[in-house]
């Protein structure tokens, strides 16, 4: 079963069981930088942001009504390390910084 077919099967199950879950989050692991860039370009509402204290991962969120799809990314694929106020911080690589929307 493909990924889209799997999502349709889950949507069908939710329709048959309406009291099961009204809002939800689906986490998708292992996305590459290229996939993250393609998602961000294709979805004007996708949010790519650094989260303090999130370790070596970051998230790319897409909202589909009551469903949030969160892509879990490796921070080092999307960010460079920089020094700010004598601390090492992660900064989005230029090709991703230009895609960040308010």
N, C-alpha and C. Protein backbone atom coordinates (compact mmCIF):
# COMPACT_ATOMS: atom_id res chain seq x y z
N UNK A 1 0.85 -1.17 0.00
CA UNK A 1 0.00 0.00 0.00
C UNK A 1 0.90 1.24 0.00
N UNK A 2 0.62 2.17 -0.89
CA UNK A 2 1.42 3.39 -0.96
C UNK A 2 1.09 4.31 0.22
N UNK A 3 1.91 5.34 0.39
CA UNK A 3 1.65 6.29 1.47
C UNK A 3 0.30 6.99 1.29
N UNK A 4 -0.01 7.52 0.08
CA UNK A 4 -1.33 8.14 -0.11
C UNK A 4 -2.48 7.15 0.13
N UNK A 5 -2.32 5.90 -0.32
CA UNK A 5 -3.36 4.90 -0.07
C UNK A 5 -3.52 4.64 1.42
N UNK A 6 -2.41 4.65 2.14
CA UNK A 6 -2.46 4.44 3.59
C UNK A 6 -3.21 5.59 4.27
N UNK A 7 -2.94 6.82 3.84
CA UNK A 7 -3.66 7.96 4.41
C UNK A 7 -5.15 7.90 4.09
N UNK A 8 -5.49 7.48 2.87
CA UNK A 8 -6.90 7.36 2.51
C UNK A 8 -7.58 6.28 3.35
N UNK A 9 -6.87 5.18 3.59
CA UNK A 9 -7.43 4.11 4.42
C UNK A 9 -7.66 4.61 5.84
N UNK A 10 -6.74 5.40 6.36
CA UNK A 10 -6.92 5.97 7.69
C UNK A 10 -8.10 6.95 7.70
N UNK A 11 -8.20 7.78 6.66
CA UNK A 11 -9.32 8.72 6.56
C UNK A 11 -10.65 7.97 6.50
N UNK A 12 -10.70 6.88 5.75
CA UNK A 12 -11.91 6.06 5.67
C UNK A 12 -12.26 5.50 7.05
N UNK A 13 -11.26 5.04 7.78
CA UNK A 13 -11.48 4.51 9.13
C UNK A 13 -12.03 5.60 10.04
N UNK A 14 -11.46 6.80 9.95
CA UNK A 14 -11.93 7.92 10.77
C UNK A 14 -13.38 8.26 10.47
N UNK A 15 -13.75 8.21 9.19
CA UNK A 15 -15.14 8.48 8.82
C UNK A 15 -16.09 7.42 9.36
N UNK A 16 -15.64 6.16 9.40
CA UNK A 16 -16.47 5.09 9.93
C UNK A 16 -16.54 5.13 11.46
N UNK A 17 -15.58 5.79 12.09
CA UNK A 17 -15.49 5.85 13.55
C UNK A 17 -15.35 7.32 13.98
N UNK A 18 -16.39 8.12 13.81
CA UNK A 18 -16.27 9.56 14.01
C UNK A 18 -15.94 10.00 15.44
N UNK A 19 -16.21 9.18 16.42
CA UNK A 19 -15.89 9.58 17.80
C UNK A 19 -14.46 9.23 18.19
N UNK A 20 -13.73 8.60 17.28
CA UNK A 20 -12.39 8.13 17.61
C UNK A 20 -11.42 9.26 17.88
N UNK A 21 -11.25 10.16 16.94
CA UNK A 21 -10.28 11.24 17.11
C UNK A 21 -10.73 12.42 16.26
N UNK A 22 -10.86 13.57 16.90
CA UNK A 22 -11.33 14.75 16.19
C UNK A 22 -10.19 15.60 15.66
N UNK A 23 -9.07 15.62 16.34
CA UNK A 23 -7.89 16.33 15.90
C UNK A 23 -6.71 15.39 16.07
N UNK A 24 -5.68 15.56 15.24
CA UNK A 24 -4.56 14.64 15.37
C UNK A 24 -3.30 15.16 14.73
N UNK A 25 -2.23 14.45 15.04
CA UNK A 25 -0.92 14.75 14.48
C UNK A 25 -0.34 13.46 13.92
N UNK A 26 0.17 13.52 12.72
CA UNK A 26 0.90 12.40 12.13
C UNK A 26 2.35 12.85 12.01
N UNK A 27 3.26 12.06 12.58
CA UNK A 27 4.68 12.34 12.49
C UNK A 27 5.29 11.51 11.37
N UNK A 28 6.08 12.16 10.53
CA UNK A 28 6.77 11.47 9.44
C UNK A 28 8.26 11.66 9.66
N UNK A 29 8.96 10.55 9.79
CA UNK A 29 10.39 10.58 10.11
C UNK A 29 11.23 10.29 8.87
N UNK A 30 12.45 10.84 8.87
CA UNK A 30 13.42 10.51 7.85
C UNK A 30 13.34 11.31 6.57
N UNK A 31 12.67 12.45 6.60
CA UNK A 31 12.63 13.28 5.40
C UNK A 31 14.01 13.86 5.14
N UNK A 32 14.35 13.99 3.90
CA UNK A 32 15.64 14.58 3.52
C UNK A 32 15.49 16.09 3.36
N UNK A 33 16.61 16.78 3.24
CA UNK A 33 16.59 18.21 3.00
C UNK A 33 15.87 18.52 1.69
N UNK A 34 16.12 17.71 0.67
CA UNK A 34 15.46 17.93 -0.63
C UNK A 34 13.94 17.78 -0.51
N UNK A 35 13.49 16.78 0.25
CA UNK A 35 12.06 16.60 0.44
C UNK A 35 11.46 17.76 1.23
N UNK A 36 12.19 18.22 2.25
CA UNK A 36 11.71 19.34 3.06
C UNK A 36 11.57 20.59 2.20
N UNK A 37 12.54 20.82 1.33
CA UNK A 37 12.49 21.98 0.45
C UNK A 37 11.31 21.86 -0.51
N UNK A 38 11.11 20.68 -1.09
CA UNK A 38 10.00 20.46 -2.02
C UNK A 38 8.65 20.67 -1.33
N UNK A 39 8.52 20.18 -0.10
CA UNK A 39 7.27 20.35 0.65
C UNK A 39 7.03 21.83 0.91
N UNK A 40 8.07 22.53 1.34
CA UNK A 40 7.94 23.95 1.66
C UNK A 40 7.58 24.77 0.42
N UNK A 41 8.14 24.42 -0.71
CA UNK A 41 7.81 25.13 -1.95
C UNK A 41 6.39 24.81 -2.43
N UNK A 42 5.94 23.58 -2.22
CA UNK A 42 4.63 23.15 -2.71
C UNK A 42 3.49 23.58 -1.80
N UNK A 43 3.77 23.81 -0.53
CA UNK A 43 2.72 24.15 0.43
C UNK A 43 3.01 25.52 1.04
N UNK A 44 2.31 26.55 0.61
CA UNK A 44 2.58 27.90 1.11
C UNK A 44 2.29 28.07 2.60
N UNK A 45 1.60 27.11 3.20
CA UNK A 45 1.27 27.21 4.62
C UNK A 45 2.19 26.37 5.51
N UNK A 46 3.12 25.64 4.90
CA UNK A 46 4.05 24.81 5.68
C UNK A 46 4.94 25.72 6.52
N UNK A 47 5.21 25.29 7.75
CA UNK A 47 6.01 26.08 8.68
C UNK A 47 7.30 25.34 8.99
N UNK A 48 8.41 25.94 8.62
CA UNK A 48 9.73 25.41 8.93
C UNK A 48 10.36 26.39 9.91
N UNK A 49 10.65 25.90 11.12
CA UNK A 49 11.19 26.80 12.13
C UNK A 49 12.11 26.05 13.08
N UNK A 50 13.09 26.77 13.56
CA UNK A 50 13.97 26.21 14.59
C UNK A 50 13.26 26.28 15.93
N UNK A 51 13.40 25.25 16.72
CA UNK A 51 12.79 25.22 18.03
C UNK A 51 13.88 25.10 19.08
N UNK A 52 13.96 26.03 20.00
CA UNK A 52 15.01 25.96 21.02
C UNK A 52 14.90 24.67 21.82
N UNK A 53 16.05 24.10 22.11
CA UNK A 53 16.09 22.90 22.93
C UNK A 53 15.62 21.63 22.27
N UNK A 54 15.50 21.61 20.96
CA UNK A 54 15.00 20.41 20.28
C UNK A 54 16.11 19.45 19.88
N UNK A 55 17.33 19.70 20.35
CA UNK A 55 18.43 18.78 20.07
C UNK A 55 18.82 18.76 18.61
N UNK A 56 18.94 17.56 18.06
CA UNK A 56 19.41 17.39 16.69
C UNK A 56 18.28 17.32 15.67
N UNK A 57 17.05 17.60 16.10
CA UNK A 57 15.93 17.53 15.15
C UNK A 57 15.23 18.87 15.06
N UNK A 58 14.50 19.02 13.98
CA UNK A 58 13.61 20.16 13.80
C UNK A 58 12.37 19.66 13.08
N UNK A 59 11.37 20.51 13.01
CA UNK A 59 10.08 20.08 12.48
C UNK A 59 9.64 20.96 11.32
N UNK A 60 8.96 20.34 10.38
CA UNK A 60 8.28 21.04 9.29
C UNK A 60 6.82 20.65 9.41
N UNK A 61 5.97 21.61 9.73
CA UNK A 61 4.55 21.33 9.97
C UNK A 61 3.68 21.74 8.80
N UNK A 62 2.73 20.87 8.49
CA UNK A 62 1.69 21.16 7.50
C UNK A 62 0.35 20.98 8.21
N UNK A 63 -0.58 21.86 7.92
CA UNK A 63 -1.90 21.80 8.55
C UNK A 63 -2.94 21.47 7.50
N UNK A 64 -3.74 20.44 7.77
CA UNK A 64 -4.84 20.05 6.89
C UNK A 64 -6.09 19.98 7.76
N UNK A 65 -6.72 21.12 7.97
CA UNK A 65 -7.89 21.16 8.85
C UNK A 65 -7.52 20.73 10.26
N UNK A 66 -8.17 19.67 10.74
CA UNK A 66 -7.92 19.17 12.09
C UNK A 66 -6.69 18.28 12.18
N UNK A 67 -6.02 18.06 11.07
CA UNK A 67 -4.86 17.17 11.04
C UNK A 67 -3.58 17.96 10.80
N UNK A 68 -2.59 17.73 11.66
CA UNK A 68 -1.27 18.30 11.47
C UNK A 68 -0.33 17.18 11.05
N UNK A 69 0.42 17.41 9.98
CA UNK A 69 1.46 16.48 9.57
C UNK A 69 2.78 17.14 9.93
N UNK A 70 3.54 16.47 10.79
CA UNK A 70 4.82 17.00 11.25
C UNK A 70 5.94 16.13 10.69
N UNK A 71 6.76 16.75 9.85
CA UNK A 71 7.92 16.06 9.28
C UNK A 71 9.08 16.29 10.25
N UNK A 72 9.68 15.22 10.71
CA UNK A 72 10.81 15.30 11.65
C UNK A 72 12.09 15.23 10.83
N UNK A 73 12.89 16.30 10.91
CA UNK A 73 14.08 16.44 10.08
C UNK A 73 15.34 16.46 10.94
N UNK A 74 16.45 16.06 10.33
CA UNK A 74 17.75 16.22 11.00
C UNK A 74 18.18 17.67 10.86
N UNK A 75 18.44 18.30 11.98
CA UNK A 75 18.77 19.72 11.98
C UNK A 75 20.00 20.02 11.14
N UNK A 76 21.00 19.13 11.16
CA UNK A 76 22.23 19.41 10.42
C UNK A 76 22.03 19.36 8.90
N UNK A 77 20.93 18.79 8.42
CA UNK A 77 20.64 18.82 6.98
C UNK A 77 20.08 20.18 6.56
N UNK A 78 19.49 20.90 7.49
CA UNK A 78 18.78 22.14 7.21
C UNK A 78 19.52 23.36 7.74
N UNK A 79 20.42 23.15 8.71
CA UNK A 79 21.06 24.26 9.41
C UNK A 79 22.57 24.20 9.36
N UNK A 80 23.17 25.35 9.56
CA UNK A 80 24.60 25.47 9.80
C UNK A 80 24.79 25.87 11.26
N UNK A 81 25.94 25.57 11.80
CA UNK A 81 26.27 26.01 13.14
C UNK A 81 26.92 27.38 13.07
N UNK A 82 26.61 28.23 14.03
CA UNK A 82 27.14 29.57 14.07
C UNK A 82 27.41 29.94 15.53
N UNK A 83 28.20 30.98 15.73
CA UNK A 83 28.48 31.47 17.07
C UNK A 83 27.72 32.78 17.25
N UNK A 84 26.94 32.86 18.33
CA UNK A 84 26.21 34.08 18.65
C UNK A 84 26.27 34.28 20.16
N UNK A 85 26.76 35.43 20.58
CA UNK A 85 26.90 35.71 22.02
C UNK A 85 27.70 34.62 22.71
N UNK A 86 28.80 34.20 22.06
CA UNK A 86 29.69 33.18 22.59
C UNK A 86 29.01 31.82 22.79
N UNK A 87 27.95 31.57 22.05
CA UNK A 87 27.26 30.29 22.13
C UNK A 87 27.11 29.73 20.72
N UNK A 88 27.16 28.41 20.61
CA UNK A 88 26.93 27.75 19.33
C UNK A 88 25.42 27.66 19.13
N UNK A 89 24.97 28.17 18.00
CA UNK A 89 23.55 28.15 17.67
C UNK A 89 23.36 27.58 16.27
N UNK A 90 22.18 27.08 16.01
CA UNK A 90 21.83 26.59 14.68
C UNK A 90 21.15 27.71 13.91
N UNK A 91 21.58 27.87 12.66
CA UNK A 91 21.03 28.90 11.77
C UNK A 91 20.62 28.21 10.48
N UNK A 92 19.42 28.50 10.01
CA UNK A 92 18.96 27.90 8.76
C UNK A 92 19.93 28.19 7.63
N UNK A 93 20.20 27.16 6.82
CA UNK A 93 21.01 27.37 5.62
C UNK A 93 20.27 28.36 4.73
N UNK A 94 21.01 29.16 3.94
CA UNK A 94 20.36 30.21 3.14
C UNK A 94 19.21 29.72 2.27
N UNK A 95 19.35 28.54 1.68
CA UNK A 95 18.28 28.05 0.80
C UNK A 95 17.00 27.73 1.56
N UNK A 96 17.11 27.52 2.88
CA UNK A 96 15.91 27.29 3.70
C UNK A 96 15.45 28.57 4.38
N UNK A 97 16.37 29.43 4.74
CA UNK A 97 16.00 30.70 5.39
C UNK A 97 15.07 31.51 4.50
N UNK A 98 15.31 31.47 3.19
CA UNK A 98 14.48 32.25 2.27
C UNK A 98 13.07 31.67 2.14
N UNK A 99 12.87 30.42 2.61
CA UNK A 99 11.55 29.78 2.51
C UNK A 99 10.69 29.98 3.76
N UNK A 100 11.29 30.49 4.83
CA UNK A 100 10.56 30.65 6.08
C UNK A 100 9.54 31.77 5.92
N UNK A 101 8.32 31.45 6.32
CA UNK A 101 7.23 32.44 6.25
C UNK A 101 6.83 32.82 7.66
N UNK A 102 6.37 34.06 7.83
CA UNK A 102 5.95 34.48 9.17
C UNK A 102 4.73 33.72 9.66
